[in-house]
Amino acid sequence: MSDGFESPDDAATVVLTAVVARVTALADRLGVPHAQVFDTGRLSVASGVPEPVVKALLSGRPAGEPDVQARFLQRLDLLRRTRLKPNGRKYTQQEIADGAGMSRQQAGALINGDRRPTMEHCDAIQRFFRVHAGFLTAEDPEALAGALQHTEQELLHKLADREREAAAAARDPLERLLQDHGVRGIAWRAAQLPTDQHRDKVAEWLDMLLESVKRPES
């Protein structure tokens, strides 16, 4: 997905290009489908960037809303649609106003685009919706890069776990057996056998194997 990116002067787009390349490499190494790590709907919700803009940026095309107020309105609308109350309904203007410490008139003017938001307004609304600082105002490439950096961290944790498991399996033949086949896999294979006599043979073989394999002393 990193193919097609040019070398723009914009620092945020340069960062995005690098993050996309790293996530792509990690996904390939772990065998994770690109459609999963670059799920545009999920990335849109996480970053606040409209899904069509996410698709364009991931394809290497210049995209994004340059006006801060327009970005604020887009992302506030997304927050109201995706960060819902426990009953599944949107927060009302009054609830946002109360939670953000402003009047209902102020909240209404911001939501309707009749008033340009200040940094204080943005900080208060971000705290109310429990999103990170800059969610409402960051440029689209920067916001998308931030969301992908979270994906990158998840993949790095998964890779570290896999490498720990592989190291343990290399030291312990019993662990290698369980990793290669798994308890469920062995049980499933045994269940396919035609008679109890065959299944008893499998159980007997496993008992013998477990007795013969000694774990290395720690």
C-alpha atoms as a PDB file:
ATOM      1  CA  MET A   1       0.000   0.000   0.000  1.00  0.00           C
ATOM      2  CA  SER A   2       2.971   2.265   0.262  1.00  0.00           C
ATOM      3  CA  ASP A   3       3.479   2.168  -3.528  1.00  0.00           C
ATOM      4  CA  GLY A   4       2.594   5.432  -5.206  1.00  0.00           C
ATOM      5  CA  PHE A   5       3.568   7.728  -2.365  1.00  0.00           C
ATOM      6  CA  GLU A   6       5.549  10.673  -3.604  1.00  0.00           C
ATOM      7  CA  SER A   7       8.093  12.578  -1.523  1.00  0.00           C
ATOM      8  CA  PRO A   8       6.055  15.567  -0.365  1.00  0.00           C
ATOM      9  CA  ASP A   9       7.409  18.436   1.654  1.00  0.00           C
ATOM     10  CA  ASP A  10       4.701  18.048   4.246  1.00  0.00           C
ATOM     11  CA  ALA A  11       6.250  16.419   7.313  1.00  0.00           C
ATOM     12  CA  ALA A  12       3.028  14.711   8.369  1.00  0.00           C
ATOM     13  CA  THR A  13       2.725  12.953   5.018  1.00  0.00           C
ATOM     14  CA  VAL A  14       6.360  11.836   5.212  1.00  0.00           C
ATOM     15  CA  VAL A  15       5.667  10.330   8.636  1.00  0.00           C
ATOM     16  CA  LEU A  16       2.540   8.619   7.298  1.00  0.00           C
ATOM     17  CA  THR A  17       4.509   7.099   4.417  1.00  0.00           C
ATOM     18  CA  ALA A  18       7.063   5.662   6.845  1.00  0.00           C
ATOM     19  CA  VAL A  19       4.419   4.256   9.194  1.00  0.00           C
ATOM     20  CA  VAL A  20       2.528   2.620   6.311  1.00  0.00           C
ATOM     21  CA  ALA A  21       5.753   0.948   5.168  1.00  0.00           C
ATOM     22  CA  ARG A  22       6.551  -0.348   8.671  1.00  0.00           C
ATOM     23  CA  VAL A  23       3.026  -1.655   9.253  1.00  0.00           C
ATOM     24  CA  THR A  24       3.065  -3.356   5.842  1.00  0.00           C
ATOM     25  CA  ALA A  25       6.367  -5.085   6.645  1.00  0.00           C
ATOM     26  CA  LEU A  26       5.151  -6.232  10.081  1.00  0.00           C
ATOM     27  CA  ALA A  27       1.870  -7.523   8.653  1.00  0.00           C
ATOM     28  CA  ASP A  28       3.743  -9.498   5.993  1.00  0.00           C
ATOM     29  CA  ARG A  29       6.098 -10.953   8.594  1.00  0.00           C
ATOM     30  CA  LEU A  30       3.214 -12.024  10.821  1.00  0.00           C
ATOM     31  CA  GLY A  31       0.968 -13.196   7.997  1.00  0.00           C
ATOM     32  CA  VAL A  32      -1.726 -10.657   8.874  1.00  0.00           C
ATOM     33  CA  PRO A  33      -3.878  -9.654   5.863  1.00  0.00           C
ATOM     34  CA  HIS A  34      -3.409  -6.079   4.664  1.00  0.00           C
ATOM     35  CA  ALA A  35      -7.189  -5.697   4.615  1.00  0.00           C
ATOM     36  CA  GLN A  36      -7.158  -6.200   8.370  1.00  0.00           C
ATOM     37  CA  VAL A  37      -4.413  -3.757   9.339  1.00  0.00           C
ATOM     38  CA  PHE A  38      -5.509  -1.180   6.763  1.00  0.00           C
ATOM     39  CA  ASP A  39      -9.251  -1.492   7.458  1.00  0.00           C
ATOM     40  CA  THR A  40     -10.343   1.980   6.372  1.00  0.00           C
ATOM     41  CA  GLY A  41     -13.510   2.011   8.460  1.00  0.00           C
ATOM     42  CA  ARG A  42     -11.628   1.169  11.649  1.00  0.00           C
ATOM     43  CA  LEU A  43      -8.886   3.676  10.864  1.00  0.00           C
ATOM     44  CA  SER A  44     -11.476   6.376  10.189  1.00  0.00           C
ATOM     45  CA  VAL A  45     -13.097   5.860  13.593  1.00  0.00           C
ATOM     46  CA  ALA A  46      -9.713   5.751  15.341  1.00  0.00           C
ATOM     47  CA  SER A  47      -8.286   8.834  13.629  1.00  0.00           C
ATOM     48  CA  GLY A  48     -11.344  10.971  12.948  1.00  0.00           C
ATOM     49  CA  VAL A  49     -10.390  11.181   9.271  1.00  0.00           C
ATOM     50  CA  PRO A  50     -13.300  10.588   6.847  1.00  0.00           C
ATOM     51  CA  GLU A  51     -13.082   7.147   5.270  1.00  0.00           C
ATOM     52  CA  PRO A  52     -12.736   8.425   1.670  1.00  0.00           C
ATOM     53  CA  VAL A  53      -9.766  10.526   2.795  1.00  0.00           C
ATOM     54  CA  VAL A  54      -8.245   7.503   4.574  1.00  0.00           C
ATOM     55  CA  LYS A  55      -8.539   5.497   1.344  1.00  0.00           C
ATOM     56  CA  ALA A  56      -6.956   8.287  -0.694  1.00  0.00           C
ATOM     57  CA  LEU A  57      -4.047   8.787   1.714  1.00  0.00           C
ATOM     58  CA  LEU A  58      -3.328   5.051   1.896  1.00  0.00           C
ATOM     59  CA  SER A  59      -3.302   4.971  -1.913  1.00  0.00           C
ATOM     60  CA  GLY A  60      -0.721   7.740  -1.996  1.00  0.00           C
ATOM     61  CA  ARG A  61      -3.056  10.439  -3.284  1.00  0.00           C
ATOM     62  CA  PRO A  62      -3.012  13.896  -1.690  1.00  0.00           C
ATOM     63  CA  ALA A  63      -6.168  14.381   0.334  1.00  0.00           C
ATOM     64  CA  GLY A  64      -7.467  16.000   3.472  1.00  0.00           C
ATOM     65  CA  GLU A  65      -9.282  19.051   4.715  1.00  0.00           C
ATOM     66  CA  PRO A  66      -6.923  22.061   5.006  1.00  0.00           C
ATOM     67  CA  ASP A  67      -9.280  24.231   7.071  1.00  0.00           C
ATOM     68  CA  VAL A  68      -9.068  23.684  10.833  1.00  0.00           C
ATOM     69  CA  GLN A  69     -12.717  24.519  11.480  1.00  0.00           C
ATOM     70  CA  ALA A  70     -13.900  22.175   8.736  1.00  0.00           C
ATOM     71  CA  ARG A  71     -11.774  19.366  10.224  1.00  0.00           C
ATOM     72  CA  PHE A  72     -13.166  20.151  13.658  1.00  0.00           C
ATOM     73  CA  LEU A  73     -16.737  19.851  12.368  1.00  0.00           C
ATOM     74  CA  GLN A  74     -15.999  16.588  10.512  1.00  0.00           C
ATOM     75  CA  ARG A  75     -14.419  14.967  13.531  1.00  0.00           C
ATOM     76  CA  LEU A  76     -16.924  16.231  16.048  1.00  0.00           C
ATOM     77  CA  ASP A  77     -19.669  14.778  13.854  1.00  0.00           C
ATOM     78  CA  LEU A  78     -17.781  11.469  13.737  1.00  0.00           C
ATOM     79  CA  LEU A  79     -17.389  11.484  17.535  1.00  0.00           C
ATOM     80  CA  ARG A  80     -21.113  12.047  17.994  1.00  0.00           C
ATOM     81  CA  ARG A  81     -21.879   9.155  15.612  1.00  0.00           C
ATOM     82  CA  THR A  82     -19.349   6.658  16.966  1.00  0.00           C
ATOM     83  CA  ARG A  83     -18.871   7.503  20.675  1.00  0.00           C
ATOM     84  CA  LEU A  84     -22.353   6.845  21.953  1.00  0.00           C
ATOM     85  CA  LYS A  85     -23.991   6.713  25.353  1.00  0.00           C
ATOM     86  CA  PRO A  86     -24.393   3.319  27.075  1.00  0.00           C
ATOM     87  CA  ASN A  87     -27.961   3.180  25.747  1.00  0.00           C
ATOM     88  CA  GLY A  88     -26.662   3.503  22.156  1.00  0.00           C
ATOM     89  CA  ARG A  89     -27.911   7.054  21.624  1.00  0.00           C
ATOM     90  CA  LYS A  90     -25.978  10.169  20.688  1.00  0.00           C
ATOM     91  CA  TYR A  91     -25.001  12.686  23.327  1.00  0.00           C
ATOM     92  CA  THR A  92     -27.208  15.749  23.187  1.00  0.00           C
ATOM     93  CA  GLN A  93     -25.873  19.265  22.870  1.00  0.00           C
ATOM     94  CA  GLN A  94     -26.767  19.861  26.504  1.00  0.00           C
ATOM     95  CA  GLU A  95     -24.880  16.746  27.643  1.00  0.00           C
ATOM     96  CA  ILE A  96     -21.814  17.775  25.640  1.00  0.00           C
ATOM     97  CA  ALA A  97     -22.037  21.289  27.055  1.00  0.00           C
ATOM     98  CA  ASP A  98     -22.313  20.023  30.639  1.00  0.00           C
ATOM     99  CA  GLY A  99     -19.487  17.531  30.183  1.00  0.00           C
ATOM    100  CA  ALA A 100     -17.208  20.053  28.480  1.00  0.00           C
ATOM    101  CA  GLY A 101     -17.933  22.848  30.941  1.00  0.00           C
ATOM    102  CA  MET A 102     -19.561  25.301  28.541  1.00  0.00           C
ATOM    103  CA  SER A 103     -23.016  26.701  27.929  1.00  0.00           C
ATOM    104  CA  ARG A 104     -25.520  24.968  25.690  1.00  0.00           C
ATOM    105  CA  GLN A 105     -25.407  28.007  23.391  1.00  0.00           C
ATOM    106  CA  GLN A 106     -21.630  27.673  23.032  1.00  0.00           C
ATOM    107  CA  ALA A 107     -21.849  23.933  22.347  1.00  0.00           C
ATOM    108  CA  GLY A 108     -24.616  24.472  19.795  1.00  0.00           C
ATOM    109  CA  ALA A 109     -22.679  27.174  17.980  1.00  0.00           C
ATOM    110  CA  LEU A 110     -19.586  24.930  17.789  1.00  0.00           C
ATOM    111  CA  ILE A 111     -21.533  21.870  16.624  1.00  0.00           C
ATOM    112  CA  ASN A 112     -23.409  23.874  13.979  1.00  0.00           C
ATOM    113  CA  GLY A 113     -20.270  25.612  12.712  1.00  0.00           C
ATOM    114  CA  ASP A 114     -21.446  29.075  13.770  1.00  0.00           C
ATOM    115  CA  ARG A 115     -18.428  29.631  15.999  1.00  0.00           C
ATOM    116  CA  ARG A 116     -14.755  28.945  15.372  1.00  0.00           C
ATOM    117  CA  PRO A 117     -13.365  26.646  18.104  1.00  0.00           C
ATOM    118  CA  THR A 118     -10.530  27.689  20.372  1.00  0.00           C
ATOM    119  CA  MET A 119      -7.928  25.275  21.708  1.00  0.00           C
ATOM    120  CA  GLU A 120      -9.755  25.397  25.046  1.00  0.00           C
ATOM    121  CA  HIS A 121     -12.989  24.296  23.344  1.00  0.00           C
ATOM    122  CA  CYS A 122     -11.171  21.455  21.591  1.00  0.00           C
ATOM    123  CA  ASP A 123      -9.432  20.279  24.756  1.00  0.00           C
ATOM    124  CA  ALA A 124     -12.700  20.263  26.704  1.00  0.00           C
ATOM    125  CA  ILE A 125     -14.611  18.314  24.042  1.00  0.00           C
ATOM    126  CA  GLN A 126     -11.746  15.837  23.581  1.00  0.00           C
ATOM    127  CA  ARG A 127     -11.724  15.148  27.321  1.00  0.00           C
ATOM    128  CA  PHE A 128     -15.484  14.667  27.293  1.00  0.00           C
ATOM    129  CA  PHE A 129     -15.294  12.085  24.503  1.00  0.00           C
ATOM    130  CA  ARG A 130     -12.093  10.585  25.968  1.00  0.00           C
ATOM    131  CA  VAL A 131      -9.977  10.933  22.856  1.00  0.00           C
ATOM    132  CA  HIS A 132      -6.360  12.026  22.694  1.00  0.00           C
ATOM    133  CA  ALA A 133      -5.180  15.620  22.433  1.00  0.00           C
ATOM    134  CA  GLY A 134      -5.269  16.899  18.867  1.00  0.00           C
ATOM    135  CA  PHE A 135      -7.994  14.487  17.748  1.00  0.00           C
ATOM    136  CA  LEU A 136     -10.242  17.330  16.597  1.00  0.00           C
ATOM    137  CA  THR A 137      -7.601  19.466  14.894  1.00  0.00           C
ATOM    138  CA  ALA A 138      -4.620  17.414  13.648  1.00  0.00           C
ATOM    139  CA  GLU A 139      -4.055  17.438   9.900  1.00  0.00           C
ATOM    140  CA  ASP A 140      -5.479  14.348   8.217  1.00  0.00           C
ATOM    141  CA  PRO A 141      -2.119  12.665   7.375  1.00  0.00           C
ATOM    142  CA  GLU A 142      -0.915  13.245  10.942  1.00  0.00           C
ATOM    143  CA  ALA A 143      -4.120  11.871  12.448  1.00  0.00           C
ATOM    144  CA  LEU A 144      -4.031   8.780  10.237  1.00  0.00           C
ATOM    145  CA  ALA A 145      -0.343   8.198  11.031  1.00  0.00           C
ATOM    146  CA  GLY A 146      -1.187   8.314  14.740  1.00  0.00           C
ATOM    147  CA  ALA A 147      -3.882   5.665  14.340  1.00  0.00           C
ATOM    148  CA  LEU A 148      -1.518   3.449  12.336  1.00  0.00           C
ATOM    149  CA  GLN A 149       1.170   3.833  14.991  1.00  0.00           C
ATOM    150  CA  HIS A 150      -1.223   2.152  17.439  1.00  0.00           C
ATOM    151  CA  THR A 151      -1.623  -0.680  14.917  1.00  0.00           C
ATOM    152  CA  GLU A 152       2.165  -0.857  14.633  1.00  0.00           C
ATOM    153  CA  GLN A 153       2.523  -1.241  18.406  1.00  0.00           C
ATOM    154  CA  GLU A 154      -0.064  -4.040  18.460  1.00  0.00           C
ATOM    155  CA  LEU A 155       1.818  -5.875  15.701  1.00  0.00           C
ATOM    156  CA  LEU A 156       5.141  -5.415  17.495  1.00  0.00           C
ATOM    157  CA  HIS A 157       3.644  -6.924  20.668  1.00  0.00           C
ATOM    158  CA  LYS A 158       2.310  -9.838  18.631  1.00  0.00           C
ATOM    159  CA  LEU A 159       5.720 -10.363  17.022  1.00  0.00           C
ATOM    160  CA  ALA A 160       7.460 -10.291  20.406  1.00  0.00           C
ATOM    161  CA  ASP A 161       5.007 -12.879  21.758  1.00  0.00           C
ATOM    162  CA  ARG A 162       5.610 -15.122  18.752  1.00  0.00           C
ATOM    163  CA  GLU A 163       9.376 -14.868  19.116  1.00  0.00           C
ATOM    164  CA  ARG A 164       9.151 -15.726  22.840  1.00  0.00           C
ATOM    165  CA  GLU A 165       7.016 -18.772  22.052  1.00  0.00           C
ATOM    166  CA  ALA A 166       9.437 -19.887  19.346  1.00  0.00           C
ATOM    167  CA  ALA A 167      12.390 -19.536  21.715  1.00  0.00           C
ATOM    168  CA  ALA A 168      10.591 -21.551  24.388  1.00  0.00           C
ATOM    169  CA  ALA A 169       9.674 -24.251  21.873  1.00  0.00           C
ATOM    170  CA  ALA A 170      13.280 -24.508  20.710  1.00  0.00           C
ATOM    171  CA  ARG A 171      14.380 -25.156  24.288  1.00  0.00           C
ATOM    172  CA  ASP A 172      11.554 -27.550  25.162  1.00  0.00           C
ATOM    173  CA  PRO A 173      10.501 -30.450  22.856  1.00  0.00           C
ATOM    174  CA  LEU A 174       7.181 -30.854  24.668  1.00  0.00           C
ATOM    175  CA  GLU A 175       6.399 -27.178  24.147  1.00  0.00           C
ATOM    176  CA  ARG A 176       7.282 -27.603  20.466  1.00  0.00           C
ATOM    177  CA  LEU A 177       4.853 -30.517  20.178  1.00  0.00           C
ATOM    178  CA  LEU A 178       2.038 -28.516  21.736  1.00  0.00           C
ATOM    179  CA  GLN A 179       2.838 -25.448  19.629  1.00  0.00           C
ATOM    180  CA  ASP A 180       2.914 -27.437  16.381  1.00  0.00           C
ATOM    181  CA  HIS A 181      -0.247 -29.425  17.022  1.00  0.00           C
ATOM    182  CA  GLY A 182      -1.956 -27.951  20.071  1.00  0.00           C
ATOM    183  CA  VAL A 183      -3.975 -29.843  22.617  1.00  0.00           C
ATOM    184  CA  ARG A 184      -7.161 -29.202  20.671  1.00  0.00           C
ATOM    185  CA  GLY A 185      -5.523 -30.370  17.451  1.00  0.00           C
ATOM    186  CA  ILE A 186      -4.377 -33.645  19.022  1.00  0.00           C
ATOM    187  CA  ALA A 187      -7.799 -34.177  20.589  1.00  0.00           C
ATOM    188  CA  TRP A 188      -9.552 -33.442  17.293  1.00  0.00           C
ATOM    189  CA  ARG A 189      -7.366 -35.928  15.431  1.00  0.00           C
ATOM    190  CA  ALA A 190      -7.999 -38.588  18.066  1.00  0.00           C
ATOM    191  CA  ALA A 191     -11.747 -38.000  17.824  1.00  0.00           C
ATOM    192  CA  GLN A 192     -11.641 -38.870  14.117  1.00  0.00           C
ATOM    193  CA  LEU A 193     -10.425 -42.401  14.855  1.00  0.00           C
ATOM    194  CA  PRO A 194     -13.050 -45.114  14.242  1.00  0.00           C
ATOM    195  CA  THR A 195     -12.987 -47.017  17.563  1.00  0.00           C
ATOM    196  CA  ASP A 196     -12.256 -46.574  21.249  1.00  0.00           C
ATOM    197  CA  GLN A 197      -9.398 -49.017  20.831  1.00  0.00           C
ATOM    198  CA  HIS A 198      -7.676 -46.653  18.401  1.00  0.00           C
ATOM    199  CA  ARG A 199      -8.253 -43.692  20.700  1.00  0.00           C
ATOM    200  CA  ASP A 200      -6.837 -45.644  23.638  1.00  0.00           C
ATOM    201  CA  LYS A 201      -3.714 -46.257  21.575  1.00  0.00           C
ATOM    202  CA  VAL A 202      -3.319 -42.498  21.026  1.00  0.00           C
ATOM    203  CA  ALA A 203      -3.704 -41.838  24.756  1.00  0.00           C
ATOM    204  CA  GLU A 204      -1.188 -44.566  25.518  1.00  0.00           C
ATOM    205  CA  TRP A 205       1.281 -43.103  23.024  1.00  0.00           C
ATOM    206  CA  LEU A 206       0.906 -39.627  24.522  1.00  0.00           C
ATOM    207  CA  ASP A 207       1.509 -40.992  28.025  1.00  0.00           C
ATOM    208  CA  MET A 208       4.694 -42.665  26.820  1.00  0.00           C
ATOM    209  CA  LEU A 209       5.810 -39.498  25.053  1.00  0.00           C
ATOM    210  CA  LEU A 210       5.191 -37.314  28.107  1.00  0.00           C
ATOM    211  CA  GLU A 211       7.185 -39.707  30.279  1.00  0.00           C
ATOM    212  CA  SER A 212      10.098 -39.790  27.840  1.00  0.00           C
ATOM    213  CA  VAL A 213      10.317 -36.008  27.389  1.00  0.00           C
ATOM    214  CA  LYS A 214      11.939 -34.215  30.278  1.00  0.00           C
ATOM    215  CA  ARG A 215      11.705 -30.467  30.488  1.00  0.00           C
ATOM    216  CA  PRO A 216      15.069 -28.769  30.922  1.00  0.00           C
ATOM    217  CA  GLU A 217      15.739 -27.756  34.490  1.00  0.00           C
ATOM    218  CA  SER A 218      15.411 -24.040  35.098  1.00  0.00           C
END
